[in-house]
């Protein structure tokens, strides 16, 4: 079953980045939900399995960032 999300949900795809999930695909009881997501940084569309999807932080709703999912800081180039 393919379900369009209206409005789209702001999500974080582990190892890919933040984006808007605009649809969910449900193949049934023996499968993970698949989140169809447009990534903010690249515009790529990815179909991510449910275990790789997290809601983005939302201060108003009291949902804080998961510090375990933040990428490590890399030093900036001084060029």
Protein backbone atom coordinates (compact mmCIF):
# COMPACT_ATOMS: atom_id res chain seq x y z
CA UNK A 1 0.00 0.00 0.00
CA UNK A 2 1.33 3.43 -0.96
CA UNK A 3 0.21 6.33 1.24
CA UNK A 4 0.93 9.96 0.43
CA UNK A 5 1.66 12.03 3.54
CA UNK A 6 -0.12 15.37 3.64
CA UNK A 7 1.57 17.34 5.07
CA UNK A 8 5.03 15.79 4.59
CA UNK A 9 6.93 14.94 7.79
CA UNK A 10 10.40 16.30 8.63
CA UNK A 11 12.58 13.24 9.24
CA UNK A 12 16.21 12.25 9.62
CA UNK A 13 17.46 9.30 7.60
CA UNK A 14 20.40 7.73 9.44
CA UNK A 15 23.57 7.94 7.29
CA UNK A 16 21.81 10.15 4.68
CA UNK A 17 20.57 13.31 6.42
CA UNK A 18 17.47 15.40 7.01
CA UNK A 19 14.56 15.61 4.63
CA UNK A 20 10.81 15.52 4.12
CA UNK A 21 9.02 12.20 4.01
CA UNK A 22 6.18 12.57 1.53
CA UNK A 23 4.99 8.96 1.29
CA UNK A 24 5.08 5.61 3.09
CA UNK A 25 5.05 2.19 1.41
CA UNK A 26 3.67 -0.74 3.43
CA UNK A 27 4.39 -4.17 1.96
CA UNK A 28 2.69 -6.00 4.83
CA UNK A 29 3.31 -7.65 8.18
CA UNK A 30 6.66 -9.29 7.34
CA UNK A 31 8.31 -6.09 6.07
CA UNK A 32 9.47 -2.72 7.42
CA UNK A 33 7.60 0.40 6.39
CA UNK A 34 9.47 2.24 3.63
CA UNK A 35 9.65 6.04 3.96
CA UNK A 36 9.90 7.91 0.64
CA UNK A 37 11.97 10.97 1.51
CA UNK A 38 13.38 13.99 -0.33
CA UNK A 39 16.71 14.95 1.28
CA UNK A 40 17.22 18.63 2.14
CA UNK A 41 20.91 18.89 1.20
CA UNK A 42 20.97 17.10 -2.15
CA UNK A 43 17.36 16.87 -3.30
CA UNK A 44 17.80 13.12 -3.75
CA UNK A 45 14.80 10.86 -3.22
CA UNK A 46 15.50 7.86 -0.99
CA UNK A 47 13.30 4.97 0.11
CA UNK A 48 14.46 4.27 3.65
CA UNK A 49 13.41 1.30 5.80
CA UNK A 50 11.68 2.14 9.08
CA UNK A 51 14.68 1.31 11.38
CA UNK A 52 16.73 4.03 9.60
CA UNK A 53 14.12 6.81 10.03
CA UNK A 54 13.81 9.25 12.94
CA UNK A 55 11.63 12.32 13.43
CA UNK A 56 13.59 15.57 13.37
CA UNK A 57 13.96 17.55 16.59
CA UNK A 58 11.05 19.85 17.43
CA UNK A 59 11.51 22.26 20.33
CA UNK A 60 7.80 23.14 20.50
CA UNK A 61 6.84 19.47 20.88
CA UNK A 62 9.67 18.80 23.37
CA UNK A 63 11.42 16.39 20.98
CA UNK A 64 15.16 16.98 21.37
CA UNK A 65 17.98 16.02 19.01
CA UNK A 66 19.35 12.54 19.46
CA UNK A 67 23.01 13.32 20.18
CA UNK A 68 23.95 9.73 19.22
CA UNK A 69 22.95 10.43 15.60
CA UNK A 70 24.97 13.62 15.09
CA UNK A 71 27.85 13.31 12.63
CA UNK A 72 31.32 13.86 14.08
CA UNK A 73 32.68 17.39 13.75
CA UNK A 74 35.29 17.81 11.06
CA UNK A 75 37.78 20.69 11.11
CA UNK A 76 37.16 23.42 8.57
CA UNK A 77 39.73 24.12 5.91
CA UNK A 78 41.72 27.33 6.50
CA UNK A 79 42.24 28.09 2.81
